[in-house]
């Protein structure tokens, strides 16, 4: 029987000198990306109830204050009226 091996795909190999991305030791687990790159993916994952979201449920994220204010306002106004 042939045994399959799973591998993690990290995306295409990139020349770090061309992207300008440098990761120092304290920041090696952090990436800064435009919010637009993650909105659609996260929205789809939530809508389809993807299990992997639970892996990150307790992680903290940092967002701009104005985005947080908009999220709070949206949350307040989308509640059904009593």
PDB file of N, CA and C in Angstrom:
ATOM      1  N   UNK A   1       0.840  -1.169   0.000  1.00  0.00           N
ATOM      2  CA  UNK A   1       0.000   0.000   0.000  1.00  0.00           C
ATOM      3  C   UNK A   1       0.893   1.243   0.000  1.00  0.00           C
ATOM      4  N   UNK A   2       0.563   2.190  -0.853  1.00  0.00           N
ATOM      5  CA  UNK A   2       1.320   3.428  -0.930  1.00  0.00           C
ATOM      6  C   UNK A   2       0.808   4.379   0.147  1.00  0.00           C
ATOM      7  N   UNK A   3       1.730   4.888   0.909  1.00  0.00           N
ATOM      8  CA  UNK A   3       1.372   5.793   1.992  1.00  0.00           C
ATOM      9  C   UNK A   3       1.512   7.234   1.514  1.00  0.00           C
ATOM     10  N   UNK A   4       0.422   7.999   1.623  1.00  0.00           N
ATOM     11  CA  UNK A   4       0.494   9.386   1.174  1.00  0.00           C
ATOM     12  C   UNK A   4       1.073  10.256   2.288  1.00  0.00           C
ATOM     13  N   UNK A   5       1.765  11.294   1.874  1.00  0.00           N
ATOM     14  CA  UNK A   5       2.362  12.228   2.820  1.00  0.00           C
ATOM     15  C   UNK A   5       1.744  13.595   2.602  1.00  0.00           C
ATOM     16  N   UNK A   6       1.278  14.187   3.673  1.00  0.00           N
ATOM     17  CA  UNK A   6       0.710  15.521   3.588  1.00  0.00           C
ATOM     18  C   UNK A   6       1.800  16.551   3.804  1.00  0.00           C
ATOM     19  N   UNK A   7       1.720  17.623   3.044  1.00  0.00           N
ATOM     20  CA  UNK A   7       2.676  18.712   3.195  1.00  0.00           C
ATOM     21  C   UNK A   7       1.908  20.019   3.300  1.00  0.00           C
ATOM     22  N   UNK A   8       2.473  20.975   3.981  1.00  0.00           N
ATOM     23  CA  UNK A   8       1.877  22.291   4.092  1.00  0.00           C
ATOM     24  C   UNK A   8       2.372  23.148   2.942  1.00  0.00           C
ATOM     25  N   UNK A   9       1.440  23.748   2.218  1.00  0.00           N
ATOM     26  CA  UNK A   9       1.793  24.625   1.113  1.00  0.00           C
ATOM     27  C   UNK A   9       1.866  26.047   1.637  1.00  0.00           C
ATOM     28  N   UNK A  10       3.009  26.671   1.493  1.00  0.00           N
ATOM     29  CA  UNK A  10       3.216  28.027   1.981  1.00  0.00           C
ATOM     30  C   UNK A  10       3.159  29.068   0.879  1.00  0.00           C
ATOM     31  N   UNK A  11       2.645  28.709  -0.256  1.00  0.00           N
ATOM     32  CA  UNK A  11       2.564  29.646  -1.363  1.00  0.00           C
ATOM     33  C   UNK A  11       3.808  29.580  -2.223  1.00  0.00           C
ATOM     34  N   UNK A  12       3.816  30.365  -3.288  1.00  0.00           N
ATOM     35  CA  UNK A  12       4.971  30.334  -4.190  1.00  0.00           C
ATOM     36  C   UNK A  12       6.217  30.896  -3.517  1.00  0.00           C
ATOM     37  N   UNK A  13       7.333  30.337  -3.875  1.00  0.00           N
ATOM     38  CA  UNK A  13       8.609  30.833  -3.333  1.00  0.00           C
ATOM     39  C   UNK A  13       8.816  32.242  -3.854  1.00  0.00           C
ATOM     40  N   UNK A  14       9.216  33.138  -2.957  1.00  0.00           N
ATOM     41  CA  UNK A  14       9.429  34.527  -3.354  1.00  0.00           C
ATOM     42  C   UNK A  14      10.840  34.946  -3.004  1.00  0.00           C
ATOM     43  N   UNK A  15      11.365  35.794  -3.834  1.00  0.00           N
ATOM     44  CA  UNK A  15      12.664  36.391  -3.555  1.00  0.00           C
ATOM     45  C   UNK A  15      12.433  37.531  -2.575  1.00  0.00           C
ATOM     46  N   UNK A  16      12.851  37.378  -1.330  1.00  0.00           N
ATOM     47  CA  UNK A  16      12.566  38.371  -0.302  1.00  0.00           C
ATOM     48  C   UNK A  16      13.173  39.733  -0.617  1.00  0.00           C
ATOM     49  N   UNK A  17      14.226  39.765  -1.400  1.00  0.00           N
ATOM     50  CA  UNK A  17      14.825  41.051  -1.731  1.00  0.00           C
ATOM     51  C   UNK A  17      13.921  41.851  -2.662  1.00  0.00           C
ATOM     52  N   UNK A  18      13.101  41.190  -3.457  1.00  0.00           N
ATOM     53  CA  UNK A  18      12.237  41.909  -4.383  1.00  0.00           C
ATOM     54  C   UNK A  18      10.952  42.386  -3.724  1.00  0.00           C
ATOM     55  N   UNK A  19      10.512  41.749  -2.650  1.00  0.00           N
ATOM     56  CA  UNK A  19       9.270  42.156  -2.001  1.00  0.00           C
ATOM     57  C   UNK A  19       9.487  43.207  -0.940  1.00  0.00           C
ATOM     58  N   UNK A  20      10.712  43.354  -0.478  1.00  0.00           N
ATOM     59  CA  UNK A  20      10.972  44.304   0.584  1.00  0.00           C
ATOM     60  C   UNK A  20      10.559  43.788   1.951  1.00  0.00           C
ATOM     61  N   UNK A  21      10.152  42.543   2.036  1.00  0.00           N
ATOM     62  CA  UNK A  21       9.709  41.952   3.291  1.00  0.00           C
ATOM     63  C   UNK A  21      10.912  41.466   4.069  1.00  0.00           C
ATOM     64  N   UNK A  22      11.107  42.036   5.236  1.00  0.00           N
ATOM     65  CA  UNK A  22      12.161  41.558   6.120  1.00  0.00           C
ATOM     66  C   UNK A  22      11.529  41.279   7.461  1.00  0.00           C
ATOM     67  N   UNK A  23      11.803  40.127   8.003  1.00  0.00           N
ATOM     68  CA  UNK A  23      11.219  39.730   9.267  1.00  0.00           C
ATOM     69  C   UNK A  23      12.300  39.627  10.322  1.00  0.00           C
ATOM     70  N   UNK A  24      12.245  40.505  11.291  1.00  0.00           N
ATOM     71  CA  UNK A  24      13.190  40.413  12.388  1.00  0.00           C
ATOM     72  C   UNK A  24      12.710  39.330  13.344  1.00  0.00           C
ATOM     73  N   UNK A  25      13.548  38.938  14.250  1.00  0.00           N
ATOM     74  CA  UNK A  25      13.213  37.845  15.177  1.00  0.00           C
ATOM     75  C   UNK A  25      11.900  38.073  15.914  1.00  0.00           C
ATOM     76  N   UNK A  26      11.638  39.261  16.508  1.00  0.00           N
ATOM     77  CA  UNK A  26      10.373  39.442  17.218  1.00  0.00           C
ATOM     78  C   UNK A  26       9.159  39.456  16.290  1.00  0.00           C
ATOM     79  N   UNK A  27       9.355  39.785  15.015  1.00  0.00           N
ATOM     80  CA  UNK A  27       8.229  39.894  14.087  1.00  0.00           C
ATOM     81  C   UNK A  27       8.119  38.735  13.112  1.00  0.00           C
ATOM     82  N   UNK A  28       8.847  37.683  13.325  1.00  0.00           N
ATOM     83  CA  UNK A  28       8.845  36.614  12.332  1.00  0.00           C
ATOM     84  C   UNK A  28       7.501  35.901  12.207  1.00  0.00           C
ATOM     85  N   UNK A  29       6.627  36.060  13.201  1.00  0.00           N
ATOM     86  CA  UNK A  29       5.307  35.439  13.137  1.00  0.00           C
ATOM     87  C   UNK A  29       4.217  36.468  12.875  1.00  0.00           C
ATOM     88  N   UNK A  30       4.591  37.618  12.340  1.00  0.00           N
ATOM     89  CA  UNK A  30       3.634  38.679  12.045  1.00  0.00           C
ATOM     90  C   UNK A  30       3.780  39.093  10.581  1.00  0.00           C
ATOM     91  N   UNK A  31       2.642  39.370   9.991  1.00  0.00           N
ATOM     92  CA  UNK A  31       2.625  39.831   8.606  1.00  0.00           C
ATOM     93  C   UNK A  31       1.641  40.989   8.535  1.00  0.00           C
ATOM     94  N   UNK A  32       1.996  42.031   7.844  1.00  0.00           N
ATOM     95  CA  UNK A  32       1.092  43.152   7.635  1.00  0.00           C
ATOM     96  C   UNK A  32       0.604  43.100   6.195  1.00  0.00           C
ATOM     97  N   UNK A  33      -0.712  43.020   6.043  1.00  0.00           N
ATOM     98  CA  UNK A  33      -1.325  42.946   4.718  1.00  0.00           C
ATOM     99  C   UNK A  33      -2.524  43.881   4.687  1.00  0.00           C
ATOM    100  N   UNK A  34      -2.928  44.320   3.506  1.00  0.00           N
ATOM    101  CA  UNK A  34      -4.151  45.122   3.410  1.00  0.00           C
ATOM    102  C   UNK A  34      -5.359  44.291   3.855  1.00  0.00           C
ATOM    103  N   UNK A  35      -6.272  44.926   4.551  1.00  0.00           N
ATOM    104  CA  UNK A  35      -7.464  44.229   5.032  1.00  0.00           C
ATOM    105  C   UNK A  35      -8.260  43.604   3.891  1.00  0.00           C
ATOM    106  N   UNK A  36      -8.230  44.242   2.730  1.00  0.00           N
ATOM    107  CA  UNK A  36      -8.988  43.720   1.589  1.00  0.00           C
ATOM    108  C   UNK A  36      -8.543  42.316   1.184  1.00  0.00           C
ATOM    109  N   UNK A  37      -7.292  41.978   1.504  1.00  0.00           N
ATOM    110  CA  UNK A  37      -6.804  40.640   1.152  1.00  0.00           C
ATOM    111  C   UNK A  37      -7.416  39.543   2.012  1.00  0.00           C
ATOM    112  N   UNK A  38      -7.896  39.898   3.194  1.00  0.00           N
ATOM    113  CA  UNK A  38      -8.429  38.864   4.083  1.00  0.00           C
ATOM    114  C   UNK A  38      -9.946  38.903   4.232  1.00  0.00           C
ATOM    115  N   UNK A  39     -10.589  40.029   3.916  1.00  0.00           N
ATOM    116  CA  UNK A  39     -12.035  40.136   4.116  1.00  0.00           C
ATOM    117  C   UNK A  39     -12.818  39.042   3.404  1.00  0.00           C
ATOM    118  N   UNK A  40     -12.593  38.883   2.120  1.00  0.00           N
ATOM    119  CA  UNK A  40     -13.371  37.912   1.351  1.00  0.00           C
ATOM    120  C   UNK A  40     -13.127  36.483   1.834  1.00  0.00           C
ATOM    121  N   UNK A  41     -11.884  36.180   2.134  1.00  0.00           N
ATOM    122  CA  UNK A  41     -11.539  34.827   2.575  1.00  0.00           C
ATOM    123  C   UNK A  41     -12.164  34.523   3.932  1.00  0.00           C
ATOM    124  N   UNK A  42     -12.034  35.466   4.875  1.00  0.00           N
ATOM    125  CA  UNK A  42     -12.624  35.251   6.193  1.00  0.00           C
ATOM    126  C   UNK A  42     -14.147  35.211   6.128  1.00  0.00           C
ATOM    127  N   UNK A  43     -14.727  36.069   5.320  1.00  0.00           N
ATOM    128  CA  UNK A  43     -16.187  36.055   5.153  1.00  0.00           C
ATOM    129  C   UNK A  43     -16.674  34.712   4.635  1.00  0.00           C
ATOM    130  N   UNK A  44     -15.987  34.181   3.644  1.00  0.00           N
ATOM    131  CA  UNK A  44     -16.351  32.877   3.099  1.00  0.00           C
ATOM    132  C   UNK A  44     -16.173  31.778   4.145  1.00  0.00           C
ATOM    133  N   UNK A  45     -15.090  31.852   4.912  1.00  0.00           N
ATOM    134  CA  UNK A  45     -14.834  30.839   5.940  1.00  0.00           C
ATOM    135  C   UNK A  45     -15.903  30.863   7.022  1.00  0.00           C
ATOM    136  N   UNK A  46     -16.319  32.057   7.422  1.00  0.00           N
ATOM    137  CA  UNK A  46     -17.381  32.174   8.429  1.00  0.00           C
ATOM    138  C   UNK A  46     -18.698  31.665   7.875  1.00  0.00           C
ATOM    139  N   UNK A  47     -19.027  32.082   6.664  1.00  0.00           N
ATOM    140  CA  UNK A  47     -20.287  31.668   6.038  1.00  0.00           C
ATOM    141  C   UNK A  47     -20.367  30.156   5.888  1.00  0.00           C
ATOM    142  N   UNK A  48     -19.256  29.517   5.601  1.00  0.00           N
ATOM    143  CA  UNK A  48     -19.238  28.063   5.410  1.00  0.00           C
ATOM    144  C   UNK A  48     -18.824  27.304   6.667  1.00  0.00           C
ATOM    145  N   UNK A  49     -18.743  28.034   7.784  1.00  0.00           N
ATOM    146  CA  UNK A  49     -18.471  27.425   9.092  1.00  0.00           C
ATOM    147  C   UNK A  49     -17.238  26.523   9.063  1.00  0.00           C
ATOM    148  N   UNK A  50     -16.137  27.053   8.558  1.00  0.00           N
ATOM    149  CA  UNK A  50     -14.898  26.274   8.459  1.00  0.00           C
ATOM    150  C   UNK A  50     -14.310  26.016   9.846  1.00  0.00           C
ATOM    151  N   UNK A  51     -13.912  24.798  10.081  1.00  0.00           N
ATOM    152  CA  UNK A  51     -13.411  24.372  11.385  1.00  0.00           C
ATOM    153  C   UNK A  51     -12.126  25.103  11.757  1.00  0.00           C
ATOM    154  N   UNK A  52     -11.286  25.409  10.795  1.00  0.00           N
ATOM    155  CA  UNK A  52      -9.993  26.016  11.114  1.00  0.00           C
ATOM    156  C   UNK A  52     -10.131  27.381  11.780  1.00  0.00           C
ATOM    157  N   UNK A  53     -11.285  28.023  11.655  1.00  0.00           N
ATOM    158  CA  UNK A  53     -11.478  29.301  12.332  1.00  0.00           C
ATOM    159  C   UNK A  53     -11.384  29.147  13.851  1.00  0.00           C
ATOM    160  N   UNK A  54     -11.816  28.012  14.354  1.00  0.00           N
ATOM    161  CA  UNK A  54     -11.766  27.766  15.799  1.00  0.00           C
ATOM    162  C   UNK A  54     -10.330  27.732  16.312  1.00  0.00           C
ATOM    163  N   UNK A  55      -9.395  27.344  15.465  1.00  0.00           N
ATOM    164  CA  UNK A  55      -7.983  27.315  15.864  1.00  0.00           C
ATOM    165  C   UNK A  55      -7.465  28.705  16.214  1.00  0.00           C
ATOM    166  N   UNK A  56      -8.083  29.728  15.640  1.00  0.00           N
ATOM    167  CA  UNK A  56      -7.598  31.090  15.822  1.00  0.00           C
ATOM    168  C   UNK A  56      -8.556  31.954  16.640  1.00  0.00           C
ATOM    169  N   UNK A  57      -9.590  31.355  17.192  1.00  0.00           N
ATOM    170  CA  UNK A  57     -10.625  32.109  17.897  1.00  0.00           C
ATOM    171  C   UNK A  57     -10.090  32.888  19.091  1.00  0.00           C
ATOM    172  N   UNK A  58      -9.083  32.407  19.745  1.00  0.00           N
ATOM    173  CA  UNK A  58      -8.536  33.079  20.924  1.00  0.00           C
ATOM    174  C   UNK A  58      -7.348  33.979  20.592  1.00  0.00           C
ATOM    175  N   UNK A  59      -6.903  33.985  19.350  1.00  0.00           N
ATOM    176  CA  UNK A  59      -5.791  34.852  18.953  1.00  0.00           C
ATOM    177  C   UNK A  59      -6.244  36.306  18.948  1.00  0.00           C
ATOM    178  N   UNK A  60      -5.330  37.194  19.283  1.00  0.00           N
ATOM    179  CA  UNK A  60      -5.626  38.617  19.237  1.00  0.00           C
ATOM    180  C   UNK A  60      -5.181  39.185  17.896  1.00  0.00           C
ATOM    181  N   UNK A  61      -5.938  40.148  17.420  1.00  0.00           N
ATOM    182  CA  UNK A  61      -5.562  40.848  16.197  1.00  0.00           C
ATOM    183  C   UNK A  61      -5.523  42.337  16.508  1.00  0.00           C
ATOM    184  N   UNK A  62      -4.753  43.076  15.747  1.00  0.00           N
ATOM    185  CA  UNK A  62      -4.670  44.519  15.914  1.00  0.00           C
ATOM    186  C   UNK A  62      -5.281  45.165  14.685  1.00  0.00           C
ATOM    187  N   UNK A  63      -6.243  46.050  14.925  1.00  0.00           N
ATOM    188  CA  UNK A  63      -6.907  46.754  13.824  1.00  0.00           C
ATOM    189  C   UNK A  63      -6.897  48.247  14.144  1.00  0.00           C
ATOM    190  N   UNK A  64      -7.025  49.084  13.129  1.00  0.00           N
ATOM    191  CA  UNK A  64      -7.079  50.520  13.366  1.00  0.00           C
ATOM    192  C   UNK A  64      -8.330  50.898  14.173  1.00  0.00           C
ATOM    193  N   UNK A  65      -8.217  51.956  14.959  1.00  0.00           N
ATOM    194  CA  UNK A  65      -9.322  52.402  15.801  1.00  0.00           C
ATOM    195  C   UNK A  65     -10.558  52.740  14.976  1.00  0.00           C
ATOM    196  N   UNK A  66     -10.374  53.379  13.814  1.00  0.00           N
ATOM    197  CA  UNK A  66     -11.547  53.741  13.016  1.00  0.00           C
ATOM    198  C   UNK A  66     -12.282  52.508  12.494  1.00  0.00           C
ATOM    199  N   UNK A  67     -11.560  51.455  12.154  1.00  0.00           N
ATOM    200  CA  UNK A  67     -12.214  50.218  11.732  1.00  0.00           C
ATOM    201  C   UNK A  67     -12.979  49.607  12.898  1.00  0.00           C
ATOM    202  N   UNK A  68     -12.395  49.631  14.083  1.00  0.00           N
ATOM    203  CA  UNK A  68     -13.075  49.101  15.263  1.00  0.00           C
ATOM    204  C   UNK A  68     -14.367  49.873  15.536  1.00  0.00           C
ATOM    205  N   UNK A  69     -14.332  51.194  15.395  1.00  0.00           N
ATOM    206  CA  UNK A  69     -15.534  52.007  15.599  1.00  0.00           C
ATOM    207  C   UNK A  69     -16.627  51.643  14.594  1.00  0.00           C
ATOM    208  N   UNK A  70     -16.246  51.433  13.355  1.00  0.00           N
ATOM    209  CA  UNK A  70     -17.213  51.047  12.326  1.00  0.00           C
ATOM    210  C   UNK A  70     -17.810  49.666  12.635  1.00  0.00           C
ATOM    211  N   UNK A  71     -16.974  48.744  13.081  1.00  0.00           N
ATOM    212  CA  UNK A  71     -17.458  47.402  13.432  1.00  0.00           C
ATOM    213  C   UNK A  71     -18.458  47.479  14.585  1.00  0.00           C
ATOM    214  N   UNK A  72     -18.141  48.283  15.609  1.00  0.00           N
ATOM    215  CA  UNK A  72     -19.060  48.435  16.737  1.00  0.00           C
ATOM    216  C   UNK A  72     -20.390  49.047  16.301  1.00  0.00           C
ATOM    217  N   UNK A  73     -20.334  50.067  15.456  1.00  0.00           N
ATOM    218  CA  UNK A  73     -21.560  50.695  14.958  1.00  0.00           C
ATOM    219  C   UNK A  73     -22.368  49.713  14.127  1.00  0.00           C
ATOM    220  N   UNK A  74     -21.700  48.973  13.263  1.00  0.00           N
ATOM    221  CA  UNK A  74     -22.391  47.969  12.448  1.00  0.00           C
ATOM    222  C   UNK A  74     -23.062  46.918  13.327  1.00  0.00           C
ATOM    223  N   UNK A  75     -22.341  46.463  14.334  1.00  0.00           N
ATOM    224  CA  UNK A  75     -22.892  45.460  15.242  1.00  0.00           C
ATOM    225  C   UNK A  75     -24.130  46.008  15.968  1.00  0.00           C
ATOM    226  N   UNK A  76     -24.060  47.260  16.382  1.00  0.00           N
ATOM    227  CA  UNK A  76     -25.188  47.868  17.096  1.00  0.00           C
ATOM    228  C   UNK A  76     -26.423  47.983  16.198  1.00  0.00           C
ATOM    229  N   UNK A  77     -26.246  48.449  14.971  1.00  0.00           N
ATOM    230  CA  UNK A  77     -27.382  48.705  14.095  1.00  0.00           C
ATOM    231  C   UNK A  77     -27.913  47.475  13.377  1.00  0.00           C
ATOM    232  N   UNK A  78     -27.188  46.396  13.382  1.00  0.00           N
ATOM    233  CA  UNK A  78     -27.696  45.191  12.716  1.00  0.00           C
ATOM    234  C   UNK A  78     -28.514  44.328  13.652  1.00  0.00           C
ATOM    235  N   UNK A  79     -28.532  44.665  14.943  1.00  0.00           N
ATOM    236  CA  UNK A  79     -29.336  43.901  15.904  1.00  0.00           C
ATOM    237  C   UNK A  79     -30.807  44.055  15.567  1.00  0.00           C
ATOM    238  N   UNK A  80     -31.564  42.952  15.710  1.00  0.00           N
ATOM    239  CA  UNK A  80     -33.006  43.086  15.482  1.00  0.00           C
ATOM    240  C   UNK A  80     -33.641  43.975  16.552  1.00  0.00           C
ATOM    241  N   UNK A  81     -34.621  44.769  16.164  1.00  0.00           N
ATOM    242  CA  UNK A  81     -35.258  45.628  17.155  1.00  0.00           C
ATOM    243  C   UNK A  81     -36.090  44.803  18.137  1.00  0.00           C
ATOM    244  N   UNK A  82     -36.166  45.329  19.333  1.00  0.00           N
ATOM    245  CA  UNK A  82     -36.868  44.608  20.397  1.00  0.00           C
ATOM    246  C   UNK A  82     -38.361  44.690  20.257  1.00  0.00           C
TER     247      UNK A  82
END
